[in-house]
Amino acid sequence: MTAVSDCLFCKIVAEEIPADVVAADEHTVAFRDISPQAPTHVLVIPREHHVDAASLASSTDGGVDALVRTAKRVAEAEGLGNGYRLVFNTGQDGGQTVFHVHLHLLGGRPMAWPPG
């Protein structure tokens, strides 16, 4: 899929909007969340636009894997050796607010369940 002109995350990938990028490769971009829910809260997105995790999983081979690999690399760089949480919010009822698939990497404190 190509970029969507009114998509916030597509604009970050295109460097039209600034972000605190912590990692990037040919498939993904990882940047700090502007409203962090944990001491470390990084969003990992594919460079290509996919609406949600289900769309990404259905339309590409290895797209979800690439996000998780980047999240692992960021977690190691951030010193999250004691553990971290990876979350996909899919769809409005799932809590997704930006409709460009993104993986939340949360860490730096014990993660309670349920989250909150």
PDB file of N, CA and C in Angstrom:
ATOM      1  N   MET A   1       0.839  -1.188   0.000  1.00  0.00           N
ATOM      2  CA  MET A   1       0.000   0.000   0.000  1.00  0.00           C
ATOM      3  C   MET A   1       0.878   1.243   0.000  1.00  0.00           C
ATOM      4  N   THR A   2       0.362   2.287  -0.535  1.00  0.00           N
ATOM      5  CA  THR A   2       1.101   3.539  -0.578  1.00  0.00           C
ATOM      6  C   THR A   2       0.691   4.428   0.588  1.00  0.00           C
ATOM      7  N   ALA A   3       1.352   5.527   0.713  1.00  0.00           N
ATOM      8  CA  ALA A   3       1.045   6.480   1.780  1.00  0.00           C
ATOM      9  C   ALA A   3      -0.339   7.091   1.555  1.00  0.00           C
ATOM     10  N   VAL A   4      -0.970   7.473   2.653  1.00  0.00           N
ATOM     11  CA  VAL A   4      -2.257   8.146   2.617  1.00  0.00           C
ATOM     12  C   VAL A   4      -2.001   9.599   3.004  1.00  0.00           C
ATOM     13  N   SER A   5      -2.450  10.525   2.165  1.00  0.00           N
ATOM     14  CA  SER A   5      -2.065  11.929   2.314  1.00  0.00           C
ATOM     15  C   SER A   5      -2.492  12.567   3.628  1.00  0.00           C
ATOM     16  N   ASP A   6      -3.605  12.139   4.211  1.00  0.00           N
ATOM     17  CA  ASP A   6      -4.056  12.755   5.465  1.00  0.00           C
ATOM     18  C   ASP A   6      -3.714  11.918   6.702  1.00  0.00           C
ATOM     19  N   CYS A   7      -2.845  10.922   6.542  1.00  0.00           N
ATOM     20  CA  CYS A   7      -2.469  10.042   7.659  1.00  0.00           C
ATOM     21  C   CYS A   7      -1.283  10.636   8.425  1.00  0.00           C
ATOM     22  N   LEU A   8      -1.481  10.864   9.712  1.00  0.00           N
ATOM     23  CA  LEU A   8      -0.436  11.414  10.576  1.00  0.00           C
ATOM     24  C   LEU A   8       0.838  10.573  10.517  1.00  0.00           C
ATOM     25  N   PHE A   9       0.702   9.256  10.623  1.00  0.00           N
ATOM     26  CA  PHE A   9       1.890   8.406  10.662  1.00  0.00           C
ATOM     27  C   PHE A   9       2.577   8.324   9.297  1.00  0.00           C
ATOM     28  N   CYS A  10       1.816   8.377   8.199  1.00  0.00           N
ATOM     29  CA  CYS A  10       2.444   8.444   6.873  1.00  0.00           C
ATOM     30  C   CYS A  10       3.278   9.720   6.755  1.00  0.00           C
ATOM     31  N   LYS A  11       2.791  10.802   7.343  1.00  0.00           N
ATOM     32  CA  LYS A  11       3.539  12.068   7.313  1.00  0.00           C
ATOM     33  C   LYS A  11       4.810  11.978   8.150  1.00  0.00           C
ATOM     34  N   ILE A  12       4.770  11.224   9.239  1.00  0.00           N
ATOM     35  CA  ILE A  12       5.988  11.012  10.036  1.00  0.00           C
ATOM     36  C   ILE A  12       6.992  10.198   9.230  1.00  0.00           C
ATOM     37  N   VAL A  13       6.526   9.137   8.572  1.00  0.00           N
ATOM     38  CA  VAL A  13       7.414   8.327   7.731  1.00  0.00           C
ATOM     39  C   VAL A  13       8.059   9.195   6.651  1.00  0.00           C
ATOM     40  N   ALA A  14       7.284  10.082   6.051  1.00  0.00           N
ATOM     41  CA  ALA A  14       7.787  10.959   4.984  1.00  0.00           C
ATOM     42  C   ALA A  14       8.591  12.139   5.513  1.00  0.00           C
ATOM     43  N   GLU A  15       8.729  12.237   6.840  1.00  0.00           N
ATOM     44  CA  GLU A  15       9.451  13.314   7.514  1.00  0.00           C
ATOM     45  C   GLU A  15       8.828  14.684   7.244  1.00  0.00           C
ATOM     46  N   GLU A  16       7.504  14.691   7.029  1.00  0.00           N
ATOM     47  CA  GLU A  16       6.769  15.944   6.873  1.00  0.00           C
ATOM     48  C   GLU A  16       6.352  16.498   8.233  1.00  0.00           C
ATOM     49  N   ILE A  17       6.295  15.626   9.227  1.00  0.00           N
ATOM     50  CA  ILE A  17       5.966  15.995  10.607  1.00  0.00           C
ATOM     51  C   ILE A  17       7.095  15.463  11.477  1.00  0.00           C
ATOM     52  N   PRO A  18       7.626  16.276  12.398  1.00  0.00           N
ATOM     53  CA  PRO A  18       8.716  15.793  13.242  1.00  0.00           C
ATOM     54  C   PRO A  18       8.242  14.762  14.262  1.00  0.00           C
ATOM     55  N   ALA A  19       9.138  13.876  14.608  1.00  0.00           N
ATOM     56  CA  ALA A  19       8.899  12.882  15.649  1.00  0.00           C
ATOM     57  C   ALA A  19      10.237  12.554  16.293  1.00  0.00           C
ATOM     58  N   ASP A  20      10.191  12.072  17.523  1.00  0.00           N
ATOM     59  CA  ASP A  20      11.403  11.654  18.233  1.00  0.00           C
ATOM     60  C   ASP A  20      11.693  10.204  17.835  1.00  0.00           C
ATOM     61  N   VAL A  21      12.321  10.042  16.678  1.00  0.00           N
ATOM     62  CA  VAL A  21      12.589   8.717  16.110  1.00  0.00           C
ATOM     63  C   VAL A  21      13.737   8.073  16.879  1.00  0.00           C
ATOM     64  N   VAL A  22      13.511   6.826  17.318  1.00  0.00           N
ATOM     65  CA  VAL A  22      14.536   6.096  18.068  1.00  0.00           C
ATOM     66  C   VAL A  22      15.122   4.941  17.264  1.00  0.00           C
ATOM     67  N   ALA A  23      14.453   4.542  16.189  1.00  0.00           N
ATOM     68  CA  ALA A  23      14.968   3.478  15.324  1.00  0.00           C
ATOM     69  C   ALA A  23      14.241   3.556  13.987  1.00  0.00           C
ATOM     70  N   ALA A  24      14.932   3.151  12.942  1.00  0.00           N
ATOM     71  CA  ALA A  24      14.324   3.098  11.619  1.00  0.00           C
ATOM     72  C   ALA A  24      15.118   2.121  10.770  1.00  0.00           C
ATOM     73  N   ASP A  25      14.422   1.440   9.888  1.00  0.00           N
ATOM     74  CA  ASP A  25      15.065   0.590   8.903  1.00  0.00           C
ATOM     75  C   ASP A  25      14.231   0.644   7.631  1.00  0.00           C
ATOM     76  N   GLU A  26      14.503  -0.234   6.694  1.00  0.00           N
ATOM     77  CA  GLU A  26      13.805  -0.156   5.408  1.00  0.00           C
ATOM     78  C   GLU A  26      12.312  -0.466   5.514  1.00  0.00           C
ATOM     79  N   HIS A  27      11.883  -1.139   6.594  1.00  0.00           N
ATOM     80  CA  HIS A  27      10.477  -1.536   6.731  1.00  0.00           C
ATOM     81  C   HIS A  27       9.718  -0.785   7.820  1.00  0.00           C
ATOM     82  N   THR A  28      10.422  -0.254   8.828  1.00  0.00           N
ATOM     83  CA  THR A  28       9.754   0.290  10.009  1.00  0.00           C
ATOM     84  C   THR A  28      10.356   1.615  10.465  1.00  0.00           C
ATOM     85  N   VAL A  29       9.565   2.331  11.254  1.00  0.00           N
ATOM     86  CA  VAL A  29      10.024   3.538  11.952  1.00  0.00           C
ATOM     87  C   VAL A  29       9.497   3.432  13.379  1.00  0.00           C
ATOM     88  N   ALA A  30      10.340   3.729  14.352  1.00  0.00           N
ATOM     89  CA  ALA A  30       9.940   3.694  15.765  1.00  0.00           C
ATOM     90  C   ALA A  30      10.190   5.069  16.362  1.00  0.00           C
ATOM     91  N   PHE A  31       9.178   5.584  17.070  1.00  0.00           N
ATOM     92  CA  PHE A  31       9.293   6.920  17.655  1.00  0.00           C
ATOM     93  C   PHE A  31       8.551   6.971  18.985  1.00  0.00           C
ATOM     94  N   ARG A  32       8.950   7.917  19.828  1.00  0.00           N
ATOM     95  CA  ARG A  32       8.343   8.057  21.150  1.00  0.00           C
ATOM     96  C   ARG A  32       6.916   8.581  21.038  1.00  0.00           C
ATOM     97  N   ASP A  33       6.024   7.998  21.848  1.00  0.00           N
ATOM     98  CA  ASP A  33       4.635   8.433  21.898  1.00  0.00           C
ATOM     99  C   ASP A  33       4.569   9.818  22.537  1.00  0.00           C
ATOM    100  N   ILE A  34       3.733  10.701  22.005  1.00  0.00           N
ATOM    101  CA  ILE A  34       3.636  12.058  22.557  1.00  0.00           C
ATOM    102  C   ILE A  34       2.797  12.103  23.831  1.00  0.00           C
ATOM    103  N   SER A  35       2.118  11.006  24.144  1.00  0.00           N
ATOM    104  CA  SER A  35       1.330  10.920  25.380  1.00  0.00           C
ATOM    105  C   SER A  35       1.659   9.594  26.065  1.00  0.00           C
ATOM    106  N   PRO A  36       2.882   9.475  26.608  1.00  0.00           N
ATOM    107  CA  PRO A  36       3.347   8.181  27.107  1.00  0.00           C
ATOM    108  C   PRO A  36       2.534   7.646  28.282  1.00  0.00           C
ATOM    109  N   GLN A  37       2.317   6.330  28.246  1.00  0.00           N
ATOM    110  CA  GLN A  37       1.601   5.621  29.300  1.00  0.00           C
ATOM    111  C   GLN A  37       2.551   4.830  30.195  1.00  0.00           C
ATOM    112  N   ALA A  38       3.841   4.949  29.942  1.00  0.00           N
ATOM    113  CA  ALA A  38       4.881   4.274  30.730  1.00  0.00           C
ATOM    114  C   ALA A  38       6.173   5.067  30.524  1.00  0.00           C
ATOM    115  N   PRO A  39       7.182   4.854  31.382  1.00  0.00           N
ATOM    116  CA  PRO A  39       8.448   5.571  31.206  1.00  0.00           C
ATOM    117  C   PRO A  39       9.033   5.412  29.795  1.00  0.00           C
ATOM    118  N   THR A  40       8.908   4.222  29.226  1.00  0.00           N
ATOM    119  CA  THR A  40       9.259   4.007  27.824  1.00  0.00           C
ATOM    120  C   THR A  40       7.976   3.681  27.088  1.00  0.00           C
ATOM    121  N   HIS A  41       7.616   4.501  26.128  1.00  0.00           N
ATOM    122  CA  HIS A  41       6.430   4.264  25.297  1.00  0.00           C
ATOM    123  C   HIS A  41       6.796   4.675  23.881  1.00  0.00           C
ATOM    124  N   VAL A  42       7.055   3.673  23.065  1.00  0.00           N
ATOM    125  CA  VAL A  42       7.488   3.874  21.690  1.00  0.00           C
ATOM    126  C   VAL A  42       6.469   3.235  20.764  1.00  0.00           C
ATOM    127  N   LEU A  43       6.157   3.908  19.669  1.00  0.00           N
ATOM    128  CA  LEU A  43       5.283   3.359  18.638  1.00  0.00           C
ATOM    129  C   LEU A  43       6.154   2.860  17.498  1.00  0.00           C
ATOM    130  N   VAL A  44       5.886   1.646  17.041  1.00  0.00           N
ATOM    131  CA  VAL A  44       6.615   1.066  15.916  1.00  0.00           C
ATOM    132  C   VAL A  44       5.606   0.906  14.780  1.00  0.00           C
ATOM    133  N   ILE A  45       5.909   1.517  13.637  1.00  0.00           N
ATOM    134  CA  ILE A  45       4.983   1.504  12.513  1.00  0.00           C
ATOM    135  C   ILE A  45       5.679   0.985  11.254  1.00  0.00           C
ATOM    136  N   PRO A  46       4.900   0.399  10.345  1.00  0.00           N
ATOM    137  CA  PRO A  46       5.480   0.064   9.039  1.00  0.00           C
ATOM    138  C   PRO A  46       5.578   1.319   8.183  1.00  0.00           C
ATOM    139  N   ARG A  47       6.525   1.348   7.297  1.00  0.00           N
ATOM    140  CA  ARG A  47       6.642   2.486   6.382  1.00  0.00           C
ATOM    141  C   ARG A  47       5.450   2.553   5.427  1.00  0.00           C
ATOM    142  N   GLU A  48       4.905   1.402   5.082  1.00  0.00           N
ATOM    143  CA  GLU A  48       3.720   1.360   4.220  1.00  0.00           C
ATOM    144  C   GLU A  48       2.464   1.524   5.057  1.00  0.00           C
ATOM    145  N   HIS A  49       1.466   2.162   4.485  1.00  0.00           N
ATOM    146  CA  HIS A  49       0.202   2.374   5.196  1.00  0.00           C
ATOM    147  C   HIS A  49      -0.649   1.106   5.182  1.00  0.00           C
ATOM    148  N   HIS A  50      -1.012   0.659   6.372  1.00  0.00           N
ATOM    149  CA  HIS A  50      -2.002  -0.395   6.589  1.00  0.00           C
ATOM    150  C   HIS A  50      -2.879   0.106   7.725  1.00  0.00           C
ATOM    151  N   VAL A  51      -4.171  -0.054   7.593  1.00  0.00           N
ATOM    152  CA  VAL A  51      -5.115   0.527   8.549  1.00  0.00           C
ATOM    153  C   VAL A  51      -4.928  -0.018   9.955  1.00  0.00           C
ATOM    154  N   ASP A  52      -4.756  -1.340  10.079  1.00  0.00           N
ATOM    155  CA  ASP A  52      -4.651  -1.953  11.405  1.00  0.00           C
ATOM    156  C   ASP A  52      -3.850  -3.245  11.314  1.00  0.00           C
ATOM    157  N   ALA A  53      -3.665  -3.902  12.459  1.00  0.00           N
ATOM    158  CA  ALA A  53      -2.855  -5.121  12.514  1.00  0.00           C
ATOM    159  C   ALA A  53      -3.440  -6.230  11.654  1.00  0.00           C
ATOM    160  N   ALA A  54      -4.757  -6.340  11.622  1.00  0.00           N
ATOM    161  CA  ALA A  54      -5.396  -7.374  10.809  1.00  0.00           C
ATOM    162  C   ALA A  54      -5.114  -7.140   9.329  1.00  0.00           C
ATOM    163  N   SER A  55      -5.186  -5.898   8.897  1.00  0.00           N
ATOM    164  CA  SER A  55      -4.892  -5.560   7.502  1.00  0.00           C
ATOM    165  C   SER A  55      -3.440  -5.865   7.160  1.00  0.00           C
ATOM    166  N   LEU A  56      -2.535  -5.507   8.049  1.00  0.00           N
ATOM    167  CA  LEU A  56      -1.113  -5.774   7.824  1.00  0.00           C
ATOM    168  C   LEU A  56      -0.861  -7.271   7.721  1.00  0.00           C
ATOM    169  N   ALA A  57      -1.432  -8.041   8.632  1.00  0.00           N
ATOM    170  CA  ALA A  57      -1.224  -9.492   8.637  1.00  0.00           C
ATOM    171  C   ALA A  57      -1.800 -10.146   7.389  1.00  0.00           C
ATOM    172  N   SER A  58      -2.908  -9.613   6.876  1.00  0.00           N
ATOM    173  CA  SER A  58      -3.564 -10.193   5.706  1.00  0.00           C
ATOM    174  C   SER A  58      -2.884  -9.837   4.399  1.00  0.00           C
ATOM    175  N   SER A  59      -2.200  -8.706   4.349  1.00  0.00           N
ATOM    176  CA  SER A  59      -1.719  -8.222   3.063  1.00  0.00           C
ATOM    177  C   SER A  59      -0.224  -8.360   2.838  1.00  0.00           C
ATOM    178  N   THR A  60       0.523  -8.730   3.847  1.00  0.00           N
ATOM    179  CA  THR A  60       1.966  -8.868   3.665  1.00  0.00           C
ATOM    180  C   THR A  60       2.479 -10.097   4.403  1.00  0.00           C
ATOM    181  N   ASP A  61       3.595 -10.610   3.927  1.00  0.00           N
ATOM    182  CA  ASP A  61       4.305 -11.648   4.667  1.00  0.00           C
ATOM    183  C   ASP A  61       5.425 -10.973   5.429  1.00  0.00           C
ATOM    184  N   GLY A  62       5.452 -11.157   6.724  1.00  0.00           N
ATOM    185  CA  GLY A  62       6.541 -10.621   7.523  1.00  0.00           C
ATOM    186  C   GLY A  62       6.352  -9.211   8.028  1.00  0.00           C
ATOM    187  N   GLY A  63       5.227  -8.575   7.735  1.00  0.00           N
ATOM    188  CA  GLY A  63       5.007  -7.206   8.196  1.00  0.00           C
ATOM    189  C   GLY A  63       4.925  -7.107   9.707  1.00  0.00           C
ATOM    190  N   VAL A  64       4.171  -8.007  10.320  1.00  0.00           N
ATOM    191  CA  VAL A  64       4.063  -8.017  11.785  1.00  0.00           C
ATOM    192  C   VAL A  64       5.408  -8.401  12.388  1.00  0.00           C
ATOM    193  N   ASP A  65       6.086  -9.359  11.766  1.00  0.00           N
ATOM    194  CA  ASP A  65       7.413  -9.762  12.246  1.00  0.00           C
ATOM    195  C   ASP A  65       8.378  -8.586  12.264  1.00  0.00           C
ATOM    196  N   ALA A  66       8.340  -7.761  11.233  1.00  0.00           N
ATOM    197  CA  ALA A  66       9.243  -6.606  11.160  1.00  0.00           C
ATOM    198  C   ALA A  66       8.981  -5.643  12.307  1.00  0.00           C
ATOM    199  N   LEU A  67       7.704  -5.418  12.639  1.00  0.00           N
ATOM    200  CA  LEU A  67       7.384  -4.531  13.760  1.00  0.00           C
ATOM    201  C   LEU A  67       7.919  -5.095  15.070  1.00  0.00           C
ATOM    202  N   VAL A  68       7.729  -6.391  15.283  1.00  0.00           N
ATOM    203  CA  VAL A  68       8.189  -7.014  16.536  1.00  0.00           C
ATOM    204  C   VAL A  68       9.718  -7.017  16.610  1.00  0.00           C
ATOM    205  N   ARG A  69      10.386  -7.276  15.502  1.00  0.00           N
ATOM    206  CA  ARG A  69      11.862  -7.233  15.507  1.00  0.00           C
ATOM    207  C   ARG A  69      12.371  -5.836  15.867  1.00  0.00           C
ATOM    208  N   THR A  70      11.758  -4.803  15.301  1.00  0.00           N
ATOM    209  CA  THR A  70      12.171  -3.434  15.633  1.00  0.00           C
ATOM    210  C   THR A  70      11.882  -3.139  17.101  1.00  0.00           C
ATOM    211  N   ALA A  71      10.721  -3.563  17.595  1.00  0.00           N
ATOM    212  CA  ALA A  71      10.389  -3.353  19.011  1.00  0.00           C
ATOM    213  C   ALA A  71      11.417  -4.028  19.913  1.00  0.00           C
ATOM    214  N   LYS A  72      11.842  -5.221  19.570  1.00  0.00           N
ATOM    215  CA  LYS A  72      12.862  -5.935  20.360  1.00  0.00           C
ATOM    216  C   LYS A  72      14.171  -5.143  20.373  1.00  0.00           C
ATOM    217  N   ARG A  73      14.559  -4.645  19.212  1.00  0.00           N
ATOM    218  CA  ARG A  73      15.798  -3.859  19.115  1.00  0.00           C
ATOM    219  C   ARG A  73      15.713  -2.591  19.968  1.00  0.00           C
ATOM    220  N   VAL A  74      14.556  -1.911  19.935  1.00  0.00           N
ATOM    221  CA  VAL A  74      14.373  -0.701  20.739  1.00  0.00           C
ATOM    222  C   VAL A  74      14.371  -1.050  22.223  1.00  0.00           C
ATOM    223  N   ALA A  75      13.678  -2.121  22.597  1.00  0.00           N
ATOM    224  CA  ALA A  75      13.629  -2.533  24.009  1.00  0.00           C
ATOM    225  C   ALA A  75      15.030  -2.801  24.548  1.00  0.00           C
ATOM    226  N   GLU A  76      15.855  -3.464  23.760  1.00  0.00           N
ATOM    227  CA  GLU A  76      17.240  -3.718  24.184  1.00  0.00           C
ATOM    228  C   GLU A  76      17.997  -2.403  24.342  1.00  0.00           C
ATOM    229  N   ALA A  77      17.848  -1.493  23.392  1.00  0.00           N
ATOM    230  CA  ALA A  77      18.543  -0.201  23.452  1.00  0.00           C
ATOM    231  C   ALA A  77      18.065   0.650  24.625  1.00  0.00           C
ATOM    232  N   GLU A  78      16.804   0.481  25.016  1.00  0.00           N
ATOM    233  CA  GLU A  78      16.224   1.242  26.131  1.00  0.00           C
ATOM    234  C   GLU A  78      16.477   0.581  27.483  1.00  0.00           C
ATOM    235  N   GLY A  79      17.153  -0.575  27.497  1.00  0.00           N
ATOM    236  CA  GLY A  79      17.475  -1.251  28.750  1.00  0.00           C
ATOM    237  C   GLY A  79      16.280  -1.930  29.412  1.00  0.00           C
ATOM    238  N   LEU A  80      15.361  -2.458  28.618  1.00  0.00           N
ATOM    239  CA  LEU A  80      14.161  -3.088  29.169  1.00  0.00           C
ATOM    240  C   LEU A  80      14.335  -4.599  29.339  1.00  0.00           C
ATOM    241  N   GLY A  81      15.495  -4.996  29.847  1.00  0.00           N
ATOM    242  CA  GLY A  81      15.813  -6.411  30.022  1.00  0.00           C
ATOM    243  C   GLY A  81      14.909  -7.151  30.987  1.00  0.00           C
ATOM    244  N   ASN A  82      14.243  -6.437  31.906  1.00  0.00           N
ATOM    245  CA  ASN A  82      13.341  -7.094  32.854  1.00  0.00           C
ATOM    246  C   ASN A  82      11.961  -7.342  32.279  1.00  0.00           C
ATOM    247  N   GLY A  83      11.707  -6.869  31.073  1.00  0.00           N
ATOM    248  CA  GLY A  83      10.438  -7.119  30.411  1.00  0.00           C
ATOM    249  C   GLY A  83       9.773  -5.858  29.912  1.00  0.00           C
ATOM    250  N   TYR A  84       8.822  -6.058  29.027  1.00  0.00           N
ATOM    251  CA  TYR A  84       8.085  -4.969  28.413  1.00  0.00           C
ATOM    252  C   TYR A  84       6.789  -5.532  27.847  1.00  0.00           C
ATOM    253  N   ARG A  85       5.913  -4.641  27.436  1.00  0.00           N
ATOM    254  CA  ARG A  85       4.626  -5.038  26.864  1.00  0.00           C
ATOM    255  C   ARG A  85       4.560  -4.542  25.421  1.00  0.00           C
ATOM    256  N   LEU A  86       4.020  -5.398  24.545  1.00  0.00           N
ATOM    257  CA  LEU A  86       3.746  -5.031  23.159  1.00  0.00           C
ATOM    258  C   LEU A  86       2.241  -5.098  22.955  1.00  0.00           C
ATOM    259  N   VAL A  87       1.652  -4.031  22.389  1.00  0.00           N
ATOM    260  CA  VAL A  87       0.195  -3.949  22.246  1.00  0.00           C
ATOM    261  C   VAL A  87      -0.172  -3.422  20.861  1.00  0.00           C
ATOM    262  N   PHE A  88      -1.108  -4.118  20.211  1.00  0.00           N
ATOM    263  CA  PHE A  88      -1.782  -3.600  19.024  1.00  0.00           C
ATOM    264  C   PHE A  88      -3.207  -3.269  19.434  1.00  0.00           C
ATOM    265  N   ASN A  89      -3.661  -2.057  19.180  1.00  0.00           N
ATOM    266  CA  ASN A  89      -5.074  -1.707  19.310  1.00  0.00           C
ATOM    267  C   ASN A  89      -5.634  -1.769  17.891  1.00  0.00           C
ATOM    268  N   THR A  90      -6.667  -2.568  17.694  1.00  0.00           N
ATOM    269  CA  THR A  90      -7.201  -2.769  16.351  1.00  0.00           C
ATOM    270  C   THR A  90      -8.665  -2.374  16.301  1.00  0.00           C
ATOM    271  N   GLY A  91      -8.963  -1.353  15.527  1.00  0.00           N
ATOM    272  CA  GLY A  91     -10.327  -0.865  15.376  1.00  0.00           C
ATOM    273  C   GLY A  91     -10.734   0.088  16.482  1.00  0.00           C
ATOM    274  N   GLN A  92     -11.784   0.844  16.215  1.00  0.00           N
ATOM    275  CA  GLN A  92     -12.255   1.843  17.171  1.00  0.00           C
ATOM    276  C   GLN A  92     -12.611   1.213  18.512  1.00  0.00           C
ATOM    277  N   ASP A  93     -13.328   0.091  18.501  1.00  0.00           N
ATOM    278  CA  ASP A  93     -13.695  -0.557  19.763  1.00  0.00           C
ATOM    279  C   ASP A  93     -12.490  -1.155  20.489  1.00  0.00           C
ATOM    280  N   GLY A  94     -11.400  -1.376  19.764  1.00  0.00           N
ATOM    281  CA  GLY A  94     -10.167  -1.874  20.365  1.00  0.00           C
ATOM    282  C   GLY A  94      -9.277  -0.777  20.896  1.00  0.00           C
ATOM    283  N   GLY A  95      -9.722   0.478  20.775  1.00  0.00           N
ATOM    284  CA  GLY A  95      -8.954   1.599  21.293  1.00  0.00           C
ATOM    285  C   GLY A  95      -8.019   2.244  20.291  1.00  0.00           C
ATOM    286  N   GLN A  96      -8.083   1.853  19.024  1.00  0.00           N
ATOM    287  CA  GLN A  96      -7.214   2.452  18.019  1.00  0.00           C
ATOM    288  C   GLN A  96      -7.704   3.863  17.708  1.00  0.00           C
ATOM    289  N   THR A  97      -6.780   4.834  17.732  1.00  0.00           N
ATOM    290  CA  THR A  97      -7.149   6.224  17.459  1.00  0.00           C
ATOM    291  C   THR A  97      -6.493   6.775  16.198  1.00  0.00           C
ATOM    292  N   VAL A  98      -5.381   6.204  15.779  1.00  0.00           N
ATOM    293  CA  VAL A  98      -4.745   6.561  14.512  1.00  0.00           C
ATOM    294  C   VAL A  98      -4.818   5.314  13.642  1.00  0.00           C
ATOM    295  N   PHE A  99      -5.420   5.448  12.469  1.00  0.00           N
ATOM    296  CA  PHE A  99      -5.684   4.280  11.648  1.00  0.00           C
ATOM    297  C   PHE A  99      -4.578   4.039  10.621  1.00  0.00           C
ATOM    298  N   HIS A 100      -3.378   3.888  11.171  1.00  0.00           N
ATOM    299  CA  HIS A 100      -2.179   3.387  10.504  1.00  0.00           C
ATOM    300  C   HIS A 100      -1.631   2.426  11.549  1.00  0.00           C
ATOM    301  N   VAL A 101      -1.543   1.153  11.213  1.00  0.00           N
ATOM    302  CA  VAL A 101      -1.170   0.152  12.216  1.00  0.00           C
ATOM    303  C   VAL A 101       0.070   0.606  12.987  1.00  0.00           C
ATOM    304  N   HIS A 102       0.022   0.415  14.305  1.00  0.00           N
ATOM    305  CA  HIS A 102       1.172   0.746  15.139  1.00  0.00           C
ATOM    306  C   HIS A 102       1.218  -0.198  16.340  1.00  0.00           C
ATOM    307  N   LEU A 103       2.428  -0.573  16.673  1.00  0.00           N
ATOM    308  CA  LEU A 103       2.700  -1.454  17.804  1.00  0.00           C
ATOM    309  C   LEU A 103       3.223  -0.590  18.941  1.00  0.00           C
ATOM    310  N   HIS A 104       2.557  -0.657  20.095  1.00  0.00           N
ATOM    311  CA  HIS A 104       3.006   0.073  21.274  1.00  0.00           C
ATOM    312  C   HIS A 104       4.035  -0.782  22.013  1.00  0.00           C
ATOM    313  N   LEU A 105       5.187  -0.209  22.291  1.00  0.00           N
ATOM    314  CA  LEU A 105       6.203  -0.814  23.155  1.00  0.00           C
ATOM    315  C   LEU A 105       6.172  -0.021  24.452  1.00  0.00           C
ATOM    316  N   LEU A 106       5.812  -0.701  25.545  1.00  0.00           N
ATOM    317  CA  LEU A 106       5.703  -0.057  26.856  1.00  0.00           C
ATOM    318  C   LEU A 106       6.626  -0.756  27.842  1.00  0.00           C
ATOM    319  N   GLY A 107       7.350   0.018  28.630  1.00  0.00           N
ATOM    320  CA  GLY A 107       8.233  -0.577  29.618  1.00  0.00           C
ATOM    321  C   GLY A 107       8.795   0.469  30.550  1.00  0.00           C
ATOM    322  N   GLY A 108       9.719   0.014  31.384  1.00  0.00           N
ATOM    323  CA  GLY A 108      10.356   0.912  32.339  1.00  0.00           C
ATOM    324  C   GLY A 108       9.696   0.904  33.702  1.00  0.00           C
ATOM    325  N   ARG A 109       8.655   0.108  33.848  1.00  0.00           N
ATOM    326  CA  ARG A 109       7.977  -0.084  35.139  1.00  0.00           C
ATOM    327  C   ARG A 109       7.239  -1.414  35.043  1.00  0.00           C
ATOM    328  N   PRO A 110       6.889  -2.004  36.197  1.00  0.00           N
ATOM    329  CA  PRO A 110       6.075  -3.226  36.132  1.00  0.00           C
ATOM    330  C   PRO A 110       4.733  -2.935  35.462  1.00  0.00           C
ATOM    331  N   MET A 111       4.312  -3.820  34.614  1.00  0.00           N
ATOM    332  CA  MET A 111       3.060  -3.659  33.878  1.00  0.00           C
ATOM    333  C   MET A 111       1.947  -4.406  34.604  1.00  0.00           C
ATOM    334  N   ALA A 112       0.967  -3.688  35.106  1.00  0.00           N
ATOM    335  CA  ALA A 112      -0.171  -4.305  35.795  1.00  0.00           C
ATOM    336  C   ALA A 112      -1.159  -4.839  34.770  1.00  0.00           C
ATOM    337  N   TRP A 113      -1.937  -5.829  35.167  1.00  0.00           N
ATOM    338  CA  TRP A 113      -3.020  -6.319  34.311  1.00  0.00           C
ATOM    339  C   TRP A 113      -4.288  -6.343  35.130  1.00  0.00           C
ATOM    340  N   PRO A 114      -5.365  -5.796  34.713  1.00  0.00           N
ATOM    341  CA  PRO A 114      -5.485  -5.108  33.417  1.00  0.00           C
ATOM    342  C   PRO A 114      -4.751  -3.784  33.423  1.00  0.00           C
ATOM    343  N   PRO A 115      -4.370  -3.306  32.213  1.00  0.00           N
ATOM    344  CA  PRO A 115      -3.621  -2.044  32.138  1.00  0.00           C
ATOM    345  C   PRO A 115      -4.436  -0.885  32.717  1.00  0.00           C
ATOM    346  N   GLY A 116      -3.733   0.084  33.170  1.00  0.00           N
ATOM    347  CA  GLY A 116      -4.440   1.259  33.675  1.00  0.00           C
ATOM    348  C   GLY A 116      -3.726   1.961  34.708  1.00  0.00           C
TER     349      GLY A 116
END
